[in-house]
């Protein structure tokens, strides 16, 4: 998803700077793109952090907590991003 945002920002000639998932999300939030889409930059950033954290979780209960957040919080936000770009 961050690569889709990166490509869109690049097409809009928005200066991204360092190409990294965190930076692309920051630029998308500051350029009001995420607001236009109707998603929370904070939630998308938390999704990215959860993804990075998940590979280091060895405790079943913690993994279940992250899985629940993915299903109930992160996926709906990402579907909004997908819906926005599908309509373009």
N, C-alpha and C. Protein backbone atom coordinates (compact mmCIF):
# COMPACT_ATOMS: atom_id res chain seq x y z
N UNK A 1 0.80 -1.17 0.00
CA UNK A 1 0.00 0.00 0.00
C UNK A 1 0.86 1.26 0.00
N UNK A 2 1.95 1.25 0.73
CA UNK A 2 2.79 2.44 0.77
C UNK A 2 3.40 2.72 -0.60
N UNK A 3 3.63 1.66 -1.38
CA UNK A 3 4.19 1.86 -2.71
C UNK A 3 3.16 2.50 -3.64
N UNK A 4 1.90 2.17 -3.47
CA UNK A 4 0.83 2.81 -4.23
C UNK A 4 0.78 4.30 -3.90
N UNK A 5 0.86 4.62 -2.62
CA UNK A 5 0.88 6.03 -2.20
C UNK A 5 2.11 6.74 -2.76
N UNK A 6 3.24 6.06 -2.72
CA UNK A 6 4.48 6.64 -3.27
C UNK A 6 4.32 6.96 -4.75
N UNK A 7 3.77 6.01 -5.50
CA UNK A 7 3.60 6.22 -6.94
C UNK A 7 2.64 7.37 -7.21
N UNK A 8 1.56 7.45 -6.44
CA UNK A 8 0.60 8.53 -6.63
C UNK A 8 1.24 9.89 -6.31
N UNK A 9 1.94 9.95 -5.20
CA UNK A 9 2.60 11.20 -4.84
C UNK A 9 3.63 11.60 -5.89
N UNK A 10 4.34 10.62 -6.40
CA UNK A 10 5.32 10.89 -7.45
C UNK A 10 4.63 11.42 -8.71
N UNK A 11 3.51 10.83 -9.08
CA UNK A 11 2.75 11.30 -10.24
C UNK A 11 2.25 12.73 -10.04
N UNK A 12 1.97 13.08 -8.79
CA UNK A 12 1.51 14.43 -8.47
C UNK A 12 2.67 15.41 -8.30
N UNK A 13 3.88 14.90 -8.53
CA UNK A 13 5.12 15.67 -8.40
C UNK A 13 5.32 16.22 -6.99
N UNK A 14 4.91 15.42 -6.02
CA UNK A 14 5.11 15.77 -4.62
C UNK A 14 6.49 15.27 -4.20
N UNK A 15 7.27 16.15 -3.59
CA UNK A 15 8.62 15.78 -3.13
C UNK A 15 8.49 14.81 -1.97
N UNK A 16 9.06 13.62 -2.13
CA UNK A 16 8.97 12.59 -1.10
C UNK A 16 10.24 12.54 -0.26
N UNK A 17 11.37 12.79 -0.87
CA UNK A 17 12.63 12.67 -0.15
C UNK A 17 13.03 11.21 -0.04
N UNK A 18 13.44 10.81 1.14
CA UNK A 18 13.86 9.44 1.37
C UNK A 18 12.70 8.49 1.10
N UNK A 19 12.93 7.50 0.26
CA UNK A 19 11.88 6.55 -0.09
C UNK A 19 11.89 5.42 0.95
N UNK A 20 10.97 5.53 1.90
CA UNK A 20 10.78 4.50 2.91
C UNK A 20 9.30 4.47 3.26
N UNK A 21 8.80 3.35 3.75
CA UNK A 21 7.38 3.29 4.09
C UNK A 21 6.95 4.40 5.06
N UNK A 22 7.73 4.62 6.12
CA UNK A 22 7.37 5.65 7.10
C UNK A 22 7.36 7.04 6.47
N UNK A 23 8.36 7.34 5.69
CA UNK A 23 8.44 8.66 5.10
C UNK A 23 7.31 8.89 4.10
N UNK A 24 6.99 7.89 3.31
CA UNK A 24 5.89 8.02 2.35
C UNK A 24 4.58 8.29 3.08
N UNK A 25 4.35 7.58 4.19
CA UNK A 25 3.13 7.82 4.96
C UNK A 25 3.12 9.23 5.55
N UNK A 26 4.26 9.69 6.02
CA UNK A 26 4.35 11.05 6.57
C UNK A 26 4.03 12.09 5.50
N UNK A 27 4.61 11.92 4.33
CA UNK A 27 4.37 12.88 3.24
C UNK A 27 2.91 12.82 2.79
N UNK A 28 2.35 11.63 2.69
CA UNK A 28 0.95 11.49 2.29
C UNK A 28 0.03 12.18 3.30
N UNK A 29 0.36 12.07 4.57
CA UNK A 29 -0.44 12.73 5.61
C UNK A 29 -0.28 14.24 5.55
N UNK A 30 0.94 14.71 5.37
CA UNK A 30 1.17 16.16 5.36
C UNK A 30 0.65 16.81 4.08
N UNK A 31 0.51 16.04 3.02
CA UNK A 31 -0.01 16.59 1.77
C UNK A 31 -1.53 16.50 1.70
N UNK A 32 -2.16 16.14 2.76
CA UNK A 32 -3.61 15.94 2.92
C UNK A 32 -4.18 14.85 2.03
N UNK A 33 -3.33 14.05 1.40
CA UNK A 33 -3.81 12.94 0.60
C UNK A 33 -4.63 11.97 1.44
N UNK A 34 -4.10 11.60 2.61
CA UNK A 34 -4.82 10.64 3.45
C UNK A 34 -6.14 11.21 3.93
N UNK A 35 -6.16 12.51 4.20
CA UNK A 35 -7.41 13.16 4.60
C UNK A 35 -8.43 13.11 3.46
N UNK A 36 -7.95 13.34 2.25
CA UNK A 36 -8.81 13.29 1.07
C UNK A 36 -9.38 11.88 0.88
N UNK A 37 -8.55 10.88 1.14
CA UNK A 37 -8.99 9.49 1.01
C UNK A 37 -9.96 9.14 2.13
N UNK A 38 -9.78 9.78 3.28
CA UNK A 38 -10.65 9.50 4.42
C UNK A 38 -10.10 8.46 5.36
N UNK A 39 -8.77 8.39 5.45
CA UNK A 39 -8.12 7.43 6.35
C UNK A 39 -7.21 8.17 7.32
N UNK A 40 -6.86 7.48 8.37
CA UNK A 40 -6.02 8.04 9.42
C UNK A 40 -4.55 7.69 9.18
N UNK A 41 -3.72 8.71 9.09
CA UNK A 41 -2.29 8.47 8.96
C UNK A 41 -1.73 7.75 10.17
N UNK A 42 -2.28 8.05 11.33
CA UNK A 42 -1.83 7.39 12.55
C UNK A 42 -2.12 5.89 12.51
N UNK A 43 -3.30 5.52 12.04
CA UNK A 43 -3.65 4.10 11.95
C UNK A 43 -2.75 3.40 10.94
N UNK A 44 -2.52 4.03 9.80
CA UNK A 44 -1.65 3.41 8.80
C UNK A 44 -0.22 3.27 9.30
N UNK A 45 0.25 4.26 10.05
CA UNK A 45 1.59 4.17 10.64
C UNK A 45 1.63 3.04 11.67
N UNK A 46 0.58 2.92 12.47
CA UNK A 46 0.51 1.83 13.45
C UNK A 46 0.48 0.47 12.76
N UNK A 47 -0.16 0.39 11.60
CA UNK A 47 -0.17 -0.86 10.83
C UNK A 47 1.24 -1.22 10.40
N UNK A 48 1.96 -0.23 9.93
CA UNK A 48 3.35 -0.45 9.51
C UNK A 48 4.20 -0.91 10.70
N UNK A 49 4.05 -0.26 11.82
CA UNK A 49 4.81 -0.65 13.02
C UNK A 49 4.43 -2.05 13.48
N UNK A 50 3.15 -2.39 13.41
CA UNK A 50 2.70 -3.73 13.81
C UNK A 50 3.29 -4.79 12.89
N UNK A 51 3.37 -4.48 11.61
CA UNK A 51 3.98 -5.41 10.65
C UNK A 51 5.43 -5.67 11.02
N UNK A 52 6.14 -4.62 11.34
CA UNK A 52 7.55 -4.76 11.71
C UNK A 52 7.71 -5.50 13.03
N UNK A 53 6.80 -5.26 13.95
CA UNK A 53 6.86 -5.90 15.26
C UNK A 53 6.49 -7.37 15.19
N UNK A 54 5.57 -7.71 14.30
CA UNK A 54 5.03 -9.06 14.24
C UNK A 54 6.11 -10.12 14.02
N UNK A 55 7.12 -9.81 13.25
CA UNK A 55 8.16 -10.80 12.97
C UNK A 55 9.02 -11.09 14.20
N UNK A 56 8.89 -10.26 15.24
CA UNK A 56 9.68 -10.46 16.45
C UNK A 56 8.83 -10.89 17.64
N UNK A 57 7.58 -11.22 17.40
CA UNK A 57 6.71 -11.66 18.50
C UNK A 57 6.77 -13.18 18.57
N UNK A 58 7.10 -13.65 19.74
CA UNK A 58 7.18 -15.09 19.95
C UNK A 58 6.16 -15.56 20.97
N UNK A 59 5.34 -14.66 21.41
CA UNK A 59 4.31 -14.94 22.40
C UNK A 59 2.96 -15.02 21.70
N UNK A 60 2.24 -16.10 21.88
CA UNK A 60 0.97 -16.33 21.19
C UNK A 60 -0.04 -15.23 21.48
N UNK A 61 -0.16 -14.83 22.73
CA UNK A 61 -1.17 -13.82 23.09
C UNK A 61 -0.87 -12.47 22.44
N UNK A 62 0.39 -12.07 22.40
CA UNK A 62 0.75 -10.83 21.73
C UNK A 62 0.48 -10.91 20.23
N UNK A 63 0.77 -12.06 19.65
CA UNK A 63 0.50 -12.25 18.23
C UNK A 63 -1.00 -12.17 17.96
N UNK A 64 -1.80 -12.73 18.85
CA UNK A 64 -3.27 -12.66 18.70
C UNK A 64 -3.75 -11.22 18.78
N UNK A 65 -3.17 -10.43 19.69
CA UNK A 65 -3.54 -9.02 19.80
C UNK A 65 -3.27 -8.27 18.50
N UNK A 66 -2.10 -8.52 17.92
CA UNK A 66 -1.75 -7.86 16.65
C UNK A 66 -2.69 -8.33 15.54
N UNK A 67 -2.98 -9.61 15.51
CA UNK A 67 -3.89 -10.15 14.50
C UNK A 67 -5.27 -9.50 14.60
N UNK A 68 -5.75 -9.31 15.80
CA UNK A 68 -7.06 -8.67 15.99
C UNK A 68 -7.04 -7.22 15.48
N UNK A 69 -5.95 -6.50 15.77
CA UNK A 69 -5.83 -5.13 15.26
C UNK A 69 -5.80 -5.12 13.74
N UNK A 70 -5.09 -6.07 13.16
CA UNK A 70 -5.02 -6.14 11.69
C UNK A 70 -6.42 -6.31 11.12
N UNK A 71 -7.18 -7.24 11.68
CA UNK A 71 -8.50 -7.55 11.14
C UNK A 71 -9.51 -6.44 11.38
N UNK A 72 -9.48 -5.81 12.55
CA UNK A 72 -10.53 -4.86 12.90
C UNK A 72 -10.20 -3.41 12.63
N UNK A 73 -8.92 -3.07 12.59
CA UNK A 73 -8.54 -1.66 12.44
C UNK A 73 -7.79 -1.41 11.14
N UNK A 74 -6.75 -2.19 10.90
CA UNK A 74 -5.86 -1.88 9.78
C UNK A 74 -6.46 -2.23 8.42
N UNK A 75 -7.07 -3.39 8.30
CA UNK A 75 -7.63 -3.81 7.01
C UNK A 75 -8.72 -2.85 6.52
N UNK A 76 -9.65 -2.42 7.38
CA UNK A 76 -10.65 -1.46 6.89
C UNK A 76 -10.04 -0.16 6.36
N UNK A 77 -8.98 0.34 7.00
CA UNK A 77 -8.32 1.55 6.51
C UNK A 77 -7.68 1.29 5.15
N UNK A 78 -7.02 0.16 5.02
CA UNK A 78 -6.36 -0.16 3.75
C UNK A 78 -7.38 -0.37 2.63
N UNK A 79 -8.54 -0.90 2.98
CA UNK A 79 -9.59 -1.07 1.97
C UNK A 79 -10.11 0.29 1.49
N UNK A 80 -10.12 1.28 2.38
CA UNK A 80 -10.51 2.63 1.97
C UNK A 80 -9.52 3.20 0.96
N UNK A 81 -8.23 2.95 1.21
CA UNK A 81 -7.20 3.40 0.26
C UNK A 81 -7.42 2.71 -1.09
N UNK A 82 -7.65 1.41 -1.04
CA UNK A 82 -7.89 0.64 -2.27
C UNK A 82 -9.12 1.17 -3.01
N UNK A 83 -10.19 1.42 -2.28
CA UNK A 83 -11.43 1.91 -2.88
C UNK A 83 -11.20 3.27 -3.56
N UNK A 84 -10.46 4.14 -2.89
CA UNK A 84 -10.17 5.46 -3.43
C UNK A 84 -9.46 5.36 -4.79
N UNK A 85 -8.45 4.53 -4.86
CA UNK A 85 -7.68 4.42 -6.09
C UNK A 85 -8.40 3.61 -7.16
N UNK A 86 -9.27 2.69 -6.76
CA UNK A 86 -10.07 1.95 -7.74
C UNK A 86 -11.02 2.89 -8.47
N UNK A 87 -11.47 3.93 -7.79
CA UNK A 87 -12.41 4.89 -8.38
C UNK A 87 -11.71 5.90 -9.28
N UNK A 88 -10.40 5.98 -9.22
CA UNK A 88 -9.65 6.95 -10.04
C UNK A 88 -9.41 6.42 -11.43
